[in-house]
Amino acid sequence: MLIDDKRQASVAFKQQGYPTTLFFNASGEMVASRLGELSAATLEQILQKAR
């Protein structure tokens, strides 16, 4: 979890709104993002695709 008070991450990852969840793989590459509320089902779906 990151609180981006200075909005540096928002600019770097081209965030368009709040809340935004960013998903990174073990190599540190962003593999997915989700704008808006994140349900348990959606979280599981994105994690399955990211693996």
PDB file of N, CA and C in Angstrom:
ATOM      1  N   MET A   1       0.848  -1.167   0.000  1.00  0.00           N
ATOM      2  CA  MET A   1       0.000   0.000   0.000  1.00  0.00           C
ATOM      3  C   MET A   1       0.889   1.224   0.000  1.00  0.00           C
ATOM      4  N   LEU A   2       0.508   2.188  -0.804  1.00  0.00           N
ATOM      5  CA  LEU A   2       1.259   3.425  -0.930  1.00  0.00           C
ATOM      6  C   LEU A   2       0.299   4.593  -0.812  1.00  0.00           C
ATOM      7  N   ILE A   3       0.635   5.516   0.048  1.00  0.00           N
ATOM      8  CA  ILE A   3      -0.112   6.771   0.115  1.00  0.00           C
ATOM      9  C   ILE A   3       0.726   7.791  -0.632  1.00  0.00           C
ATOM     10  N   ASP A   4       0.189   8.284  -1.721  1.00  0.00           N
ATOM     11  CA  ASP A   4       0.927   9.114  -2.662  1.00  0.00           C
ATOM     12  C   ASP A   4       0.593  10.585  -2.453  1.00  0.00           C
ATOM     13  N   ASP A   5       0.995  11.136  -1.301  1.00  0.00           N
ATOM     14  CA  ASP A   5       0.666  12.520  -0.967  1.00  0.00           C
ATOM     15  C   ASP A   5       1.146  13.526  -2.011  1.00  0.00           C
ATOM     16  N   LYS A   6       2.313  13.287  -2.569  1.00  0.00           N
ATOM     17  CA  LYS A   6       2.878  14.228  -3.542  1.00  0.00           C
ATOM     18  C   LYS A   6       2.500  13.874  -4.976  1.00  0.00           C
ATOM     19  N   ARG A   7       1.747  12.804  -5.140  1.00  0.00           N
ATOM     20  CA  ARG A   7       1.241  12.345  -6.438  1.00  0.00           C
ATOM     21  C   ARG A   7       2.349  12.005  -7.442  1.00  0.00           C
ATOM     22  N   GLN A   8       3.484  11.587  -6.932  1.00  0.00           N
ATOM     23  CA  GLN A   8       4.580  11.190  -7.813  1.00  0.00           C
ATOM     24  C   GLN A   8       4.265   9.865  -8.498  1.00  0.00           C
ATOM     25  N   ALA A   9       3.733   8.916  -7.763  1.00  0.00           N
ATOM     26  CA  ALA A   9       3.367   7.624  -8.352  1.00  0.00           C
ATOM     27  C   ALA A   9       2.202   7.807  -9.324  1.00  0.00           C
ATOM     28  N   SER A  10       1.297   8.697  -9.004  1.00  0.00           N
ATOM     29  CA  SER A  10       0.155   8.957  -9.893  1.00  0.00           C
ATOM     30  C   SER A  10       0.636   9.396 -11.269  1.00  0.00           C
ATOM     31  N   VAL A  11       1.622  10.248 -11.299  1.00  0.00           N
ATOM     32  CA  VAL A  11       2.170  10.735 -12.566  1.00  0.00           C
ATOM     33  C   VAL A  11       2.948   9.610 -13.258  1.00  0.00           C
ATOM     34  N   ALA A  12       3.795   8.924 -12.512  1.00  0.00           N
ATOM     35  CA  ALA A  12       4.647   7.881 -13.098  1.00  0.00           C
ATOM     36  C   ALA A  12       3.827   6.755 -13.735  1.00  0.00           C
ATOM     37  N   PHE A  13       2.709   6.390 -13.108  1.00  0.00           N
ATOM     38  CA  PHE A  13       1.902   5.279 -13.609  1.00  0.00           C
ATOM     39  C   PHE A  13       0.641   5.746 -14.333  1.00  0.00           C
ATOM     40  N   LYS A  14       0.571   7.047 -14.623  1.00  0.00           N
ATOM     41  CA  LYS A  14      -0.551   7.630 -15.375  1.00  0.00           C
ATOM     42  C   LYS A  14      -1.904   7.277 -14.753  1.00  0.00           C
ATOM     43  N   GLN A  15      -1.970   7.404 -13.439  1.00  0.00           N
ATOM     44  CA  GLN A  15      -3.193   7.124 -12.707  1.00  0.00           C
ATOM     45  C   GLN A  15      -4.250   8.147 -13.074  1.00  0.00           C
ATOM     46  N   GLN A  16      -5.475   7.662 -13.327  1.00  0.00           N
ATOM     47  CA  GLN A  16      -6.535   8.554 -13.777  1.00  0.00           C
ATOM     48  C   GLN A  16      -7.598   8.823 -12.725  1.00  0.00           C
ATOM     49  N   GLY A  17      -7.541   8.166 -11.593  1.00  0.00           N
ATOM     50  CA  GLY A  17      -8.535   8.392 -10.560  1.00  0.00           C
ATOM     51  C   GLY A  17      -8.234   7.584  -9.314  1.00  0.00           C
ATOM     52  N   TYR A  18      -9.091   7.726  -8.346  1.00  0.00           N
ATOM     53  CA  TYR A  18      -8.922   7.033  -7.059  1.00  0.00           C
ATOM     54  C   TYR A  18     -10.158   6.220  -6.743  1.00  0.00           C
ATOM     55  N   PRO A  19     -10.058   5.103  -6.128  1.00  0.00           N
ATOM     56  CA  PRO A  19      -8.822   4.372  -5.852  1.00  0.00           C
ATOM     57  C   PRO A  19      -8.333   3.630  -7.094  1.00  0.00           C
ATOM     58  N   THR A  20      -7.031   3.466  -7.190  1.00  0.00           N
ATOM     59  CA  THR A  20      -6.424   2.683  -8.255  1.00  0.00           C
ATOM     60  C   THR A  20      -5.534   1.629  -7.617  1.00  0.00           C
ATOM     61  N   THR A  21      -5.652   0.401  -8.074  1.00  0.00           N
ATOM     62  CA  THR A  21      -4.808  -0.690  -7.603  1.00  0.00           C
ATOM     63  C   THR A  21      -3.884  -1.086  -8.743  1.00  0.00           C
ATOM     64  N   LEU A  22      -2.585  -1.101  -8.448  1.00  0.00           N
ATOM     65  CA  LEU A  22      -1.586  -1.484  -9.438  1.00  0.00           C
ATOM     66  C   LEU A  22      -1.039  -2.851  -9.055  1.00  0.00           C
ATOM     67  N   PHE A  23      -0.825  -3.701 -10.053  1.00  0.00           N
ATOM     68  CA  PHE A  23      -0.321  -5.051  -9.821  1.00  0.00           C
ATOM     69  C   PHE A  23       1.039  -5.198 -10.490  1.00  0.00           C
ATOM     70  N   PHE A  24       2.014  -5.699  -9.737  1.00  0.00           N
ATOM     71  CA  PHE A  24       3.368  -5.874 -10.227  1.00  0.00           C
ATOM     72  C   PHE A  24       3.768  -7.333 -10.131  1.00  0.00           C
ATOM     73  N   ASN A  25       4.575  -7.788 -11.094  1.00  0.00           N
ATOM     74  CA  ASN A  25       5.070  -9.157 -11.022  1.00  0.00           C
ATOM     75  C   ASN A  25       6.346  -9.196 -10.174  1.00  0.00           C
ATOM     76  N   ALA A  26       6.934 -10.379 -10.043  1.00  0.00           N
ATOM     77  CA  ALA A  26       8.121 -10.548  -9.208  1.00  0.00           C
ATOM     78  C   ALA A  26       9.320  -9.773  -9.745  1.00  0.00           C
ATOM     79  N   SER A  27       9.293  -9.401 -11.020  1.00  0.00           N
ATOM     80  CA  SER A  27      10.381  -8.626 -11.620  1.00  0.00           C
ATOM     81  C   SER A  27      10.190  -7.124 -11.457  1.00  0.00           C
ATOM     82  N   GLY A  28       9.094  -6.735 -10.843  1.00  0.00           N
ATOM     83  CA  GLY A  28       8.823  -5.326 -10.626  1.00  0.00           C
ATOM     84  C   GLY A  28       8.120  -4.636 -11.779  1.00  0.00           C
ATOM     85  N   GLU A  29       7.648  -5.400 -12.758  1.00  0.00           N
ATOM     86  CA  GLU A  29       6.938  -4.834 -13.891  1.00  0.00           C
ATOM     87  C   GLU A  29       5.449  -4.734 -13.581  1.00  0.00           C
ATOM     88  N   MET A  30       4.842  -3.599 -13.919  1.00  0.00           N
ATOM     89  CA  MET A  30       3.411  -3.468 -13.718  1.00  0.00           C
ATOM     90  C   MET A  30       2.698  -4.323 -14.767  1.00  0.00           C
ATOM     91  N   VAL A  31       1.863  -5.243 -14.306  1.00  0.00           N
ATOM     92  CA  VAL A  31       1.193  -6.169 -15.217  1.00  0.00           C
ATOM     93  C   VAL A  31      -0.299  -5.916 -15.338  1.00  0.00           C
ATOM     94  N   ALA A  32      -0.854  -5.128 -14.432  1.00  0.00           N
ATOM     95  CA  ALA A  32      -2.284  -4.826 -14.487  1.00  0.00           C
ATOM     96  C   ALA A  32      -2.572  -3.632 -13.594  1.00  0.00           C
ATOM     97  N   SER A  33      -3.704  -2.999 -13.851  1.00  0.00           N
ATOM     98  CA  SER A  33      -4.188  -1.937 -12.971  1.00  0.00           C
ATOM     99  C   SER A  33      -5.703  -2.000 -12.945  1.00  0.00           C
ATOM    100  N   ARG A  34      -6.258  -1.487 -11.891  1.00  0.00           N
ATOM    101  CA  ARG A  34      -7.716  -1.500 -11.730  1.00  0.00           C
ATOM    102  C   ARG A  34      -8.142  -0.173 -11.122  1.00  0.00           C
ATOM    103  N   LEU A  35      -9.006   0.534 -11.818  1.00  0.00           N
ATOM    104  CA  LEU A  35      -9.546   1.790 -11.326  1.00  0.00           C
ATOM    105  C   LEU A  35     -10.877   1.511 -10.653  1.00  0.00           C
ATOM    106  N   GLY A  36     -11.037   1.986  -9.446  1.00  0.00           N
ATOM    107  CA  GLY A  36     -12.293   1.812  -8.729  1.00  0.00           C
ATOM    108  C   GLY A  36     -12.217   0.733  -7.667  1.00  0.00           C
ATOM    109  N   GLU A  37     -13.365   0.454  -7.106  1.00  0.00           N
ATOM    110  CA  GLU A  37     -13.456  -0.534  -6.040  1.00  0.00           C
ATOM    111  C   GLU A  37     -13.021  -1.903  -6.552  1.00  0.00           C
ATOM    112  N   LEU A  38     -12.391  -2.673  -5.677  1.00  0.00           N
ATOM    113  CA  LEU A  38     -11.861  -3.975  -6.057  1.00  0.00           C
ATOM    114  C   LEU A  38     -12.519  -5.044  -5.190  1.00  0.00           C
ATOM    115  N   SER A  39     -13.332  -5.876  -5.814  1.00  0.00           N
ATOM    116  CA  SER A  39     -13.984  -6.968  -5.078  1.00  0.00           C
ATOM    117  C   SER A  39     -13.017  -8.130  -4.947  1.00  0.00           C
ATOM    118  N   ALA A  40     -13.322  -9.040  -4.056  1.00  0.00           N
ATOM    119  CA  ALA A  40     -12.489 -10.231  -3.870  1.00  0.00           C
ATOM    120  C   ALA A  40     -12.433 -11.054  -5.149  1.00  0.00           C
ATOM    121  N   ALA A  41     -13.550 -11.165  -5.852  1.00  0.00           N
ATOM    122  CA  ALA A  41     -13.601 -11.946  -7.092  1.00  0.00           C
ATOM    123  C   ALA A  41     -12.730 -11.312  -8.176  1.00  0.00           C
ATOM    124  N   THR A  42     -12.799  -9.996  -8.304  1.00  0.00           N
ATOM    125  CA  THR A  42     -11.988  -9.303  -9.298  1.00  0.00           C
ATOM    126  C   THR A  42     -10.510  -9.403  -8.944  1.00  0.00           C
ATOM    127  N   LEU A  43     -10.190  -9.264  -7.673  1.00  0.00           N
ATOM    128  CA  LEU A  43      -8.809  -9.406  -7.225  1.00  0.00           C
ATOM    129  C   LEU A  43      -8.269 -10.782  -7.602  1.00  0.00           C
ATOM    130  N   GLU A  44      -9.011 -11.820  -7.316  1.00  0.00           N
ATOM    131  CA  GLU A  44      -8.585 -13.183  -7.644  1.00  0.00           C
ATOM    132  C   GLU A  44      -8.393 -13.350  -9.147  1.00  0.00           C
ATOM    133  N   GLN A  45      -9.298 -12.809  -9.939  1.00  0.00           N
ATOM    134  CA  GLN A  45      -9.218 -12.908 -11.394  1.00  0.00           C
ATOM    135  C   GLN A  45      -7.948 -12.240 -11.921  1.00  0.00           C
ATOM    136  N   ILE A  46      -7.657 -11.049 -11.437  1.00  0.00           N
ATOM    137  CA  ILE A  46      -6.470 -10.325 -11.894  1.00  0.00           C
ATOM    138  C   ILE A  46      -5.209 -11.053 -11.446  1.00  0.00           C
ATOM    139  N   LEU A  47      -5.186 -11.548 -10.220  1.00  0.00           N
ATOM    140  CA  LEU A  47      -4.010 -12.272  -9.731  1.00  0.00           C
ATOM    141  C   LEU A  47      -3.760 -13.544 -10.535  1.00  0.00           C
ATOM    142  N   GLN A  48      -4.815 -14.246 -10.928  1.00  0.00           N
ATOM    143  CA  GLN A  48      -4.662 -15.441 -11.743  1.00  0.00           C
ATOM    144  C   GLN A  48      -4.035 -15.098 -13.089  1.00  0.00           C
ATOM    145  N   LYS A  49      -4.450 -14.013 -13.702  1.00  0.00           N
ATOM    146  CA  LYS A  49      -3.911 -13.597 -14.996  1.00  0.00           C
ATOM    147  C   LYS A  49      -2.462 -13.127 -14.861  1.00  0.00           C
ATOM    148  N   ALA A  50      -2.139 -12.519 -13.728  1.00  0.00           N
ATOM    149  CA  ALA A  50      -0.803 -11.962 -13.528  1.00  0.00           C
ATOM    150  C   ALA A  50       0.245 -13.031 -13.241  1.00  0.00           C
ATOM    151  N   ARG A  51      -0.178 -14.197 -12.824  1.00  0.00           N
ATOM    152  CA  ARG A  51       0.763 -15.265 -12.480  1.00  0.00           C
ATOM    153  C   ARG A  51       1.377 -15.887 -13.650  1.00  0.00           C
TER     154      ARG A  51
END
